[in-house]
Amino acid sequence: MLGGLFLIGASCMYFAKVMQHFSLALTVGGWLFTIGSSFLLLADLQQWWYDRKVSDSMKPRTVDRLTVAHSFITSCGSACYVTGSVLLIPYFEKHTHIGNRLIMIGSVVIFLSACWKICHNGRRNHTNPYGYSFHCTNLINNLSSFCFNICNGLGGVFYFLGVYFAPSEYSANEFQTNISAIFCVTGGTFFFLASLFLQYQYYSTQL
């Protein structure tokens, strides 16, 4: 949950008015992005661990092993976020373009992994473990996981758009800067919602 909140706060630092009136906006934004991305990575690792535990408890395990692999791929996307966010800190100003590309790559990985997980969760039949056909009812049976993947995928989409539309010089195009920040705030909000569904999914299994 903290990851989403930090990402939202970081994105707010990139609004044109904020940068005009707060000289340390880019520095604070870079650090908040780094911290938020680190929490995001921890959340994805938690999801990977949860999927491993579920996979170990089910037979046959073919579909569930794929779900575990998808969670690991999502973690790789979050790792790209962490590395890219570090390069957004003004100290690494010469490498900002690399940081942006890493975040875009991470966003694509997270989105594709979320879509892949939804497809495979639709094939996970709890009443018939040997049935591999896709059914929407299979998604409804694990609604928290479905909502997590939807929000996680949308978070990746909006961060991709936010970074894609980010101008090379923030002061050069105020409108484009604000559009980019709005996309990123929206992406952070979806990541926050995804973390809520993840926590519900994780702790509901402990009851």
C-alpha atoms as a PDB file:
ATOM      1  CA  MET A   1       0.000   0.000   0.000  1.00  0.00           C
ATOM      2  CA  LEU A   2       2.841   2.354   0.831  1.00  0.00           C
ATOM      3  CA  GLY A   3       4.291   1.799  -2.636  1.00  0.00           C
ATOM      4  CA  GLY A   4       1.198   3.184  -4.337  1.00  0.00           C
ATOM      5  CA  LEU A   5       1.061   6.174  -2.003  1.00  0.00           C
ATOM      6  CA  PHE A   6       4.727   7.001  -2.593  1.00  0.00           C
ATOM      7  CA  LEU A   7       4.242   6.704  -6.357  1.00  0.00           C
ATOM      8  CA  ILE A   8       1.262   9.061  -6.227  1.00  0.00           C
ATOM      9  CA  GLY A   9       3.271  11.554  -4.161  1.00  0.00           C
ATOM     10  CA  ALA A  10       6.217  11.268  -6.542  1.00  0.00           C
ATOM     11  CA  SER A  11       4.013  11.870  -9.574  1.00  0.00           C
ATOM     12  CA  CYS A  12       2.571  15.005  -7.986  1.00  0.00           C
ATOM     13  CA  MET A  13       6.096  16.466  -7.845  1.00  0.00           C
ATOM     14  CA  TYR A  14       6.146  16.569 -11.659  1.00  0.00           C
ATOM     15  CA  PHE A  15       3.244  18.974 -12.129  1.00  0.00           C
ATOM     16  CA  ALA A  16       4.432  22.206 -13.749  1.00  0.00           C
ATOM     17  CA  LYS A  17       3.244  24.479 -10.915  1.00  0.00           C
ATOM     18  CA  VAL A  18       4.904  22.301  -8.281  1.00  0.00           C
ATOM     19  CA  MET A  19       8.254  22.407 -10.088  1.00  0.00           C
ATOM     20  CA  GLN A  20       7.976  26.174 -10.529  1.00  0.00           C
ATOM     21  CA  HIS A  21       7.412  26.844  -6.822  1.00  0.00           C
ATOM     22  CA  PHE A  22       9.451  24.021  -5.288  1.00  0.00           C
ATOM     23  CA  SER A  23      13.083  23.906  -6.378  1.00  0.00           C
ATOM     24  CA  LEU A  24      13.639  20.407  -4.972  1.00  0.00           C
ATOM     25  CA  ALA A  25      10.599  18.901  -6.714  1.00  0.00           C
ATOM     26  CA  LEU A  26      12.632  16.710  -9.079  1.00  0.00           C
ATOM     27  CA  THR A  27      14.880  15.498  -6.263  1.00  0.00           C
ATOM     28  CA  VAL A  28      11.959  14.674  -3.979  1.00  0.00           C
ATOM     29  CA  GLY A  29      10.066  13.119  -6.882  1.00  0.00           C
ATOM     30  CA  GLY A  30      13.021  10.911  -7.820  1.00  0.00           C
ATOM     31  CA  TRP A  31      13.473   9.662  -4.263  1.00  0.00           C
ATOM     32  CA  LEU A  32       9.748   9.069  -3.774  1.00  0.00           C
ATOM     33  CA  PHE A  33       9.651   7.132  -7.038  1.00  0.00           C
ATOM     34  CA  THR A  34      12.574   5.015  -5.873  1.00  0.00           C
ATOM     35  CA  ILE A  35      11.006   4.278  -2.479  1.00  0.00           C
ATOM     36  CA  GLY A  36       7.576   3.631  -4.000  1.00  0.00           C
ATOM     37  CA  SER A  37       9.019   1.332  -6.664  1.00  0.00           C
ATOM     38  CA  SER A  38      10.891  -0.595  -3.972  1.00  0.00           C
ATOM     39  CA  PHE A  39       7.640  -1.168  -2.083  1.00  0.00           C
ATOM     40  CA  LEU A  40       6.028  -2.171  -5.385  1.00  0.00           C
ATOM     41  CA  LEU A  41       8.777  -4.738  -5.901  1.00  0.00           C
ATOM     42  CA  LEU A  42       8.246  -6.096  -2.387  1.00  0.00           C
ATOM     43  CA  ALA A  43       4.501  -6.406  -3.072  1.00  0.00           C
ATOM     44  CA  ASP A  44       5.147  -8.324  -6.293  1.00  0.00           C
ATOM     45  CA  LEU A  45       7.586 -10.613  -4.490  1.00  0.00           C
ATOM     46  CA  GLN A  46       4.883 -11.185  -1.873  1.00  0.00           C
ATOM     47  CA  GLN A  47       2.457 -12.103  -4.658  1.00  0.00           C
ATOM     48  CA  TRP A  48       5.046 -14.463  -6.145  1.00  0.00           C
ATOM     49  CA  TRP A  49       5.523 -16.133  -2.759  1.00  0.00           C
ATOM     50  CA  TYR A  50       1.742 -16.438  -2.300  1.00  0.00           C
ATOM     51  CA  ASP A  51       1.343 -18.016  -5.748  1.00  0.00           C
ATOM     52  CA  ARG A  52       4.139 -20.475  -4.953  1.00  0.00           C
ATOM     53  CA  LYS A  53       2.371 -21.523  -1.765  1.00  0.00           C
ATOM     54  CA  VAL A  54      -0.927 -22.001  -3.611  1.00  0.00           C
ATOM     55  CA  SER A  55       0.834 -23.940  -6.370  1.00  0.00           C
ATOM     56  CA  ASP A  56       2.470 -26.307  -3.881  1.00  0.00           C
ATOM     57  CA  SER A  57      -0.920 -27.107  -2.351  1.00  0.00           C
ATOM     58  CA  MET A  58      -2.696 -27.962  -5.635  1.00  0.00           C
ATOM     59  CA  LYS A  59      -2.553 -30.940  -7.981  1.00  0.00           C
ATOM     60  CA  PRO A  60      -2.028 -30.962 -10.885  1.00  0.00           C
ATOM     61  CA  ARG A  61       0.378 -28.017 -10.732  1.00  0.00           C
ATOM     62  CA  THR A  62       0.877 -27.191 -14.449  1.00  0.00           C
ATOM     63  CA  VAL A  63      -1.336 -24.092 -14.600  1.00  0.00           C
ATOM     64  CA  ASP A  64      -0.230 -22.907 -11.163  1.00  0.00           C
ATOM     65  CA  ARG A  65       3.442 -23.141 -12.062  1.00  0.00           C
ATOM     66  CA  LEU A  66       2.729 -20.768 -14.936  1.00  0.00           C
ATOM     67  CA  THR A  67       1.035 -18.375 -12.483  1.00  0.00           C
ATOM     68  CA  VAL A  68       4.168 -18.468 -10.321  1.00  0.00           C
ATOM     69  CA  ALA A  69       6.287 -17.694 -13.396  1.00  0.00           C
ATOM     70  CA  HIS A  70       4.014 -14.766 -14.262  1.00  0.00           C
ATOM     71  CA  SER A  71       4.371 -13.333 -10.752  1.00  0.00           C
ATOM     72  CA  PHE A  72       8.148 -13.571 -11.073  1.00  0.00           C
ATOM     73  CA  ILE A  73       8.030 -11.761 -14.430  1.00  0.00           C
ATOM     74  CA  THR A  74       5.960  -8.992 -12.816  1.00  0.00           C
ATOM     75  CA  SER A  75       8.658  -8.696 -10.151  1.00  0.00           C
ATOM     76  CA  CYS A  76      11.212  -8.212 -12.934  1.00  0.00           C
ATOM     77  CA  GLY A  77       9.066  -5.357 -14.254  1.00  0.00           C
ATOM     78  CA  SER A  78       9.042  -3.765 -10.804  1.00  0.00           C
ATOM     79  CA  ALA A  79      12.822  -4.177 -10.638  1.00  0.00           C
ATOM     80  CA  CYS A  80      13.017  -2.115 -13.849  1.00  0.00           C
ATOM     81  CA  TYR A  81      10.925   0.522 -12.062  1.00  0.00           C
ATOM     82  CA  VAL A  82      13.363   0.624  -9.141  1.00  0.00           C
ATOM     83  CA  THR A  83      16.415   0.976 -11.384  1.00  0.00           C
ATOM     84  CA  GLY A  84      14.714   3.535 -13.620  1.00  0.00           C
ATOM     85  CA  SER A  85      13.490   5.567 -10.654  1.00  0.00           C
ATOM     86  CA  VAL A  86      17.002   5.833  -9.241  1.00  0.00           C
ATOM     87  CA  LEU A  87      18.155   7.328 -12.543  1.00  0.00           C
ATOM     88  CA  LEU A  88      15.422   9.998 -12.297  1.00  0.00           C
ATOM     89  CA  ILE A  89      17.175  11.533  -9.288  1.00  0.00           C
ATOM     90  CA  PRO A  90      18.856  14.744 -10.540  1.00  0.00           C
ATOM     91  CA  TYR A  91      22.283  13.448  -9.415  1.00  0.00           C
ATOM     92  CA  PHE A  92      22.050  11.029 -12.372  1.00  0.00           C
ATOM     93  CA  GLU A  93      20.713  13.706 -14.722  1.00  0.00           C
ATOM     94  CA  LYS A  94      22.802  12.474 -17.667  1.00  0.00           C
ATOM     95  CA  HIS A  95      21.091   9.086 -17.465  1.00  0.00           C
ATOM     96  CA  THR A  96      17.491  10.270 -17.091  1.00  0.00           C
ATOM     97  CA  HIS A  97      16.584   9.030 -20.580  1.00  0.00           C
ATOM     98  CA  ILE A  98      17.776   5.541 -19.606  1.00  0.00           C
ATOM     99  CA  GLY A  99      15.656   5.708 -16.459  1.00  0.00           C
ATOM    100  CA  ASN A 100      12.589   6.639 -18.501  1.00  0.00           C
ATOM    101  CA  ARG A 101      13.152   3.748 -20.888  1.00  0.00           C
ATOM    102  CA  LEU A 102      13.560   1.293 -18.014  1.00  0.00           C
ATOM    103  CA  ILE A 103      10.265   2.460 -16.508  1.00  0.00           C
ATOM    104  CA  MET A 104       8.551   2.066 -19.892  1.00  0.00           C
ATOM    105  CA  ILE A 105      10.000  -1.434 -20.261  1.00  0.00           C
ATOM    106  CA  GLY A 106       8.885  -2.280 -16.733  1.00  0.00           C
ATOM    107  CA  SER A 107       5.397  -0.980 -17.506  1.00  0.00           C
ATOM    108  CA  VAL A 108       5.109  -3.180 -20.596  1.00  0.00           C
ATOM    109  CA  VAL A 109       6.337  -6.217 -18.649  1.00  0.00           C
ATOM    110  CA  ILE A 110       3.858  -5.595 -15.815  1.00  0.00           C
ATOM    111  CA  PHE A 111       0.946  -5.119 -18.240  1.00  0.00           C
ATOM    112  CA  LEU A 112       1.698  -8.218 -20.319  1.00  0.00           C
ATOM    113  CA  SER A 113       2.265 -10.309 -17.209  1.00  0.00           C
ATOM    114  CA  ALA A 114      -1.059  -9.161 -15.732  1.00  0.00           C
ATOM    115  CA  CYS A 115      -2.896 -10.086 -18.960  1.00  0.00           C
ATOM    116  CA  TRP A 116      -1.165 -13.448 -19.028  1.00  0.00           C
ATOM    117  CA  LYS A 117      -2.082 -14.150 -15.396  1.00  0.00           C
ATOM    118  CA  ILE A 118      -5.729 -13.283 -16.031  1.00  0.00           C
ATOM    119  CA  CYS A 119      -5.843 -15.731 -18.947  1.00  0.00           C
ATOM    120  CA  HIS A 120      -4.305 -18.519 -16.891  1.00  0.00           C
ATOM    121  CA  ASN A 121      -6.398 -17.812 -13.810  1.00  0.00           C
ATOM    122  CA  GLY A 122      -9.404 -18.217 -16.084  1.00  0.00           C
ATOM    123  CA  ARG A 123      -8.212 -21.765 -16.736  1.00  0.00           C
ATOM    124  CA  ARG A 124      -7.791 -22.625 -13.053  1.00  0.00           C
ATOM    125  CA  ASN A 125     -10.843 -24.690 -12.148  1.00  0.00           C
ATOM    126  CA  HIS A 126     -11.077 -25.316  -8.401  1.00  0.00           C
ATOM    127  CA  THR A 127     -13.928 -27.828  -8.775  1.00  0.00           C
ATOM    128  CA  ASN A 128     -12.185 -29.765 -11.538  1.00  0.00           C
ATOM    129  CA  PRO A 129      -8.391 -29.473 -11.199  1.00  0.00           C
ATOM    130  CA  TYR A 130      -7.910 -31.409 -14.451  1.00  0.00           C
ATOM    131  CA  GLY A 131     -10.004 -29.001 -16.519  1.00  0.00           C
ATOM    132  CA  TYR A 132      -7.920 -26.397 -18.381  1.00  0.00           C
ATOM    133  CA  SER A 133     -10.648 -24.624 -20.369  1.00  0.00           C
ATOM    134  CA  PHE A 134     -11.042 -20.871 -19.909  1.00  0.00           C
ATOM    135  CA  HIS A 135     -14.231 -19.837 -18.093  1.00  0.00           C
ATOM    136  CA  CYS A 136     -15.145 -16.431 -16.675  1.00  0.00           C
ATOM    137  CA  THR A 137     -16.539 -18.189 -13.606  1.00  0.00           C
ATOM    138  CA  ASN A 138     -12.989 -19.263 -12.768  1.00  0.00           C
ATOM    139  CA  LEU A 139     -12.027 -15.581 -12.546  1.00  0.00           C
ATOM    140  CA  ILE A 140     -15.021 -14.800 -10.338  1.00  0.00           C
ATOM    141  CA  ASN A 141     -14.049 -17.638  -7.997  1.00  0.00           C
ATOM    142  CA  ASN A 142     -10.817 -15.749  -7.291  1.00  0.00           C
ATOM    143  CA  LEU A 143     -12.109 -12.199  -7.612  1.00  0.00           C
ATOM    144  CA  SER A 144      -9.418 -10.545  -5.472  1.00  0.00           C
ATOM    145  CA  SER A 145      -6.677 -11.946  -7.724  1.00  0.00           C
ATOM    146  CA  PHE A 146      -8.590 -10.819 -10.824  1.00  0.00           C
ATOM    147  CA  CYS A 147      -8.982  -7.271  -9.453  1.00  0.00           C
ATOM    148  CA  PHE A 148      -5.314  -7.204  -8.443  1.00  0.00           C
ATOM    149  CA  ASN A 149      -4.207  -8.111 -11.960  1.00  0.00           C
ATOM    150  CA  ILE A 150      -6.586  -5.611 -13.579  1.00  0.00           C
ATOM    151  CA  CYS A 151      -5.336  -2.751 -11.390  1.00  0.00           C
ATOM    152  CA  ASN A 152      -1.710  -3.812 -11.755  1.00  0.00           C
ATOM    153  CA  GLY A 153      -2.020  -3.935 -15.542  1.00  0.00           C
ATOM    154  CA  LEU A 154      -3.731  -0.538 -15.720  1.00  0.00           C
ATOM    155  CA  GLY A 155      -1.059   0.911 -13.446  1.00  0.00           C
ATOM    156  CA  GLY A 156       1.556  -0.213 -15.952  1.00  0.00           C
ATOM    157  CA  VAL A 157      -0.418   1.252 -18.868  1.00  0.00           C
ATOM    158  CA  PHE A 158      -0.799   4.686 -17.294  1.00  0.00           C
ATOM    159  CA  TYR A 159       2.830   4.872 -16.186  1.00  0.00           C
ATOM    160  CA  PHE A 160       3.911   3.957 -19.698  1.00  0.00           C
ATOM    161  CA  LEU A 161       1.776   6.793 -21.073  1.00  0.00           C
ATOM    162  CA  GLY A 162       3.007   9.187 -18.393  1.00  0.00           C
ATOM    163  CA  VAL A 163       6.660   8.559 -19.166  1.00  0.00           C
ATOM    164  CA  TYR A 164       6.032   8.480 -22.924  1.00  0.00           C
ATOM    165  CA  PHE A 165       4.435  11.937 -22.892  1.00  0.00           C
ATOM    166  CA  ALA A 166       6.985  13.425 -20.491  1.00  0.00           C
ATOM    167  CA  PRO A 167       8.809  16.287 -22.274  1.00  0.00           C
ATOM    168  CA  SER A 168      12.596  16.272 -22.400  1.00  0.00           C
ATOM    169  CA  GLU A 169      12.524  19.734 -20.790  1.00  0.00           C
ATOM    170  CA  TYR A 170       9.794  20.122 -18.179  1.00  0.00           C
ATOM    171  CA  SER A 171       9.784  23.915 -18.447  1.00  0.00           C
ATOM    172  CA  ALA A 172       9.393  23.848 -22.244  1.00  0.00           C
ATOM    173  CA  ASN A 173       5.830  22.523 -22.413  1.00  0.00           C
ATOM    174  CA  GLU A 174       3.671  23.076 -19.329  1.00  0.00           C
ATOM    175  CA  PHE A 175       0.583  21.391 -20.809  1.00  0.00           C
ATOM    176  CA  GLN A 176       2.471  18.246 -21.812  1.00  0.00           C
ATOM    177  CA  THR A 177       4.177  18.166 -18.413  1.00  0.00           C
ATOM    178  CA  ASN A 178       0.822  18.223 -16.618  1.00  0.00           C
ATOM    179  CA  ILE A 179      -0.657  15.540 -18.901  1.00  0.00           C
ATOM    180  CA  SER A 180       2.332  13.330 -18.142  1.00  0.00           C
ATOM    181  CA  ALA A 181       1.928  13.908 -14.389  1.00  0.00           C
ATOM    182  CA  ILE A 182      -1.813  13.140 -14.538  1.00  0.00           C
ATOM    183  CA  PHE A 183      -1.131   9.823 -16.275  1.00  0.00           C
ATOM    184  CA  CYS A 184       1.467   8.945 -13.637  1.00  0.00           C
ATOM    185  CA  VAL A 185      -0.827   9.901 -10.732  1.00  0.00           C
ATOM    186  CA  THR A 186      -3.523   7.683 -12.267  1.00  0.00           C
ATOM    187  CA  GLY A 187      -1.023   4.851 -12.622  1.00  0.00           C
ATOM    188  CA  GLY A 188       0.054   5.242  -9.004  1.00  0.00           C
ATOM    189  CA  THR A 189      -3.598   5.149  -7.928  1.00  0.00           C
ATOM    190  CA  PHE A 190      -4.142   1.853  -9.746  1.00  0.00           C
ATOM    191  CA  PHE A 191      -1.006   0.410  -8.169  1.00  0.00           C
ATOM    192  CA  PHE A 192      -2.342   1.485  -4.759  1.00  0.00           C
ATOM    193  CA  LEU A 193      -5.673  -0.239  -5.462  1.00  0.00           C
ATOM    194  CA  ALA A 194      -3.779  -3.340  -6.602  1.00  0.00           C
ATOM    195  CA  SER A 195      -1.920  -3.406  -3.292  1.00  0.00           C
ATOM    196  CA  LEU A 196      -5.224  -3.278  -1.390  1.00  0.00           C
ATOM    197  CA  PHE A 197      -6.530  -6.303  -3.307  1.00  0.00           C
ATOM    198  CA  LEU A 198      -3.214  -8.073  -2.740  1.00  0.00           C
ATOM    199  CA  GLN A 199      -3.352  -7.515   1.014  1.00  0.00           C
ATOM    200  CA  TYR A 200      -6.957  -8.711   1.115  1.00  0.00           C
ATOM    201  CA  GLN A 201      -6.039 -11.784  -0.903  1.00  0.00           C
ATOM    202  CA  TYR A 202      -3.014 -12.569   1.268  1.00  0.00           C
ATOM    203  CA  TYR A 203      -4.549 -12.032   4.692  1.00  0.00           C
ATOM    204  CA  SER A 204      -7.882 -13.656   3.846  1.00  0.00           C
ATOM    205  CA  THR A 205      -5.995 -16.928   3.365  1.00  0.00           C
ATOM    206  CA  GLN A 206      -4.608 -16.611   6.899  1.00  0.00           C
ATOM    207  CA  LEU A 207      -8.092 -16.563   8.485  1.00  0.00           C
END
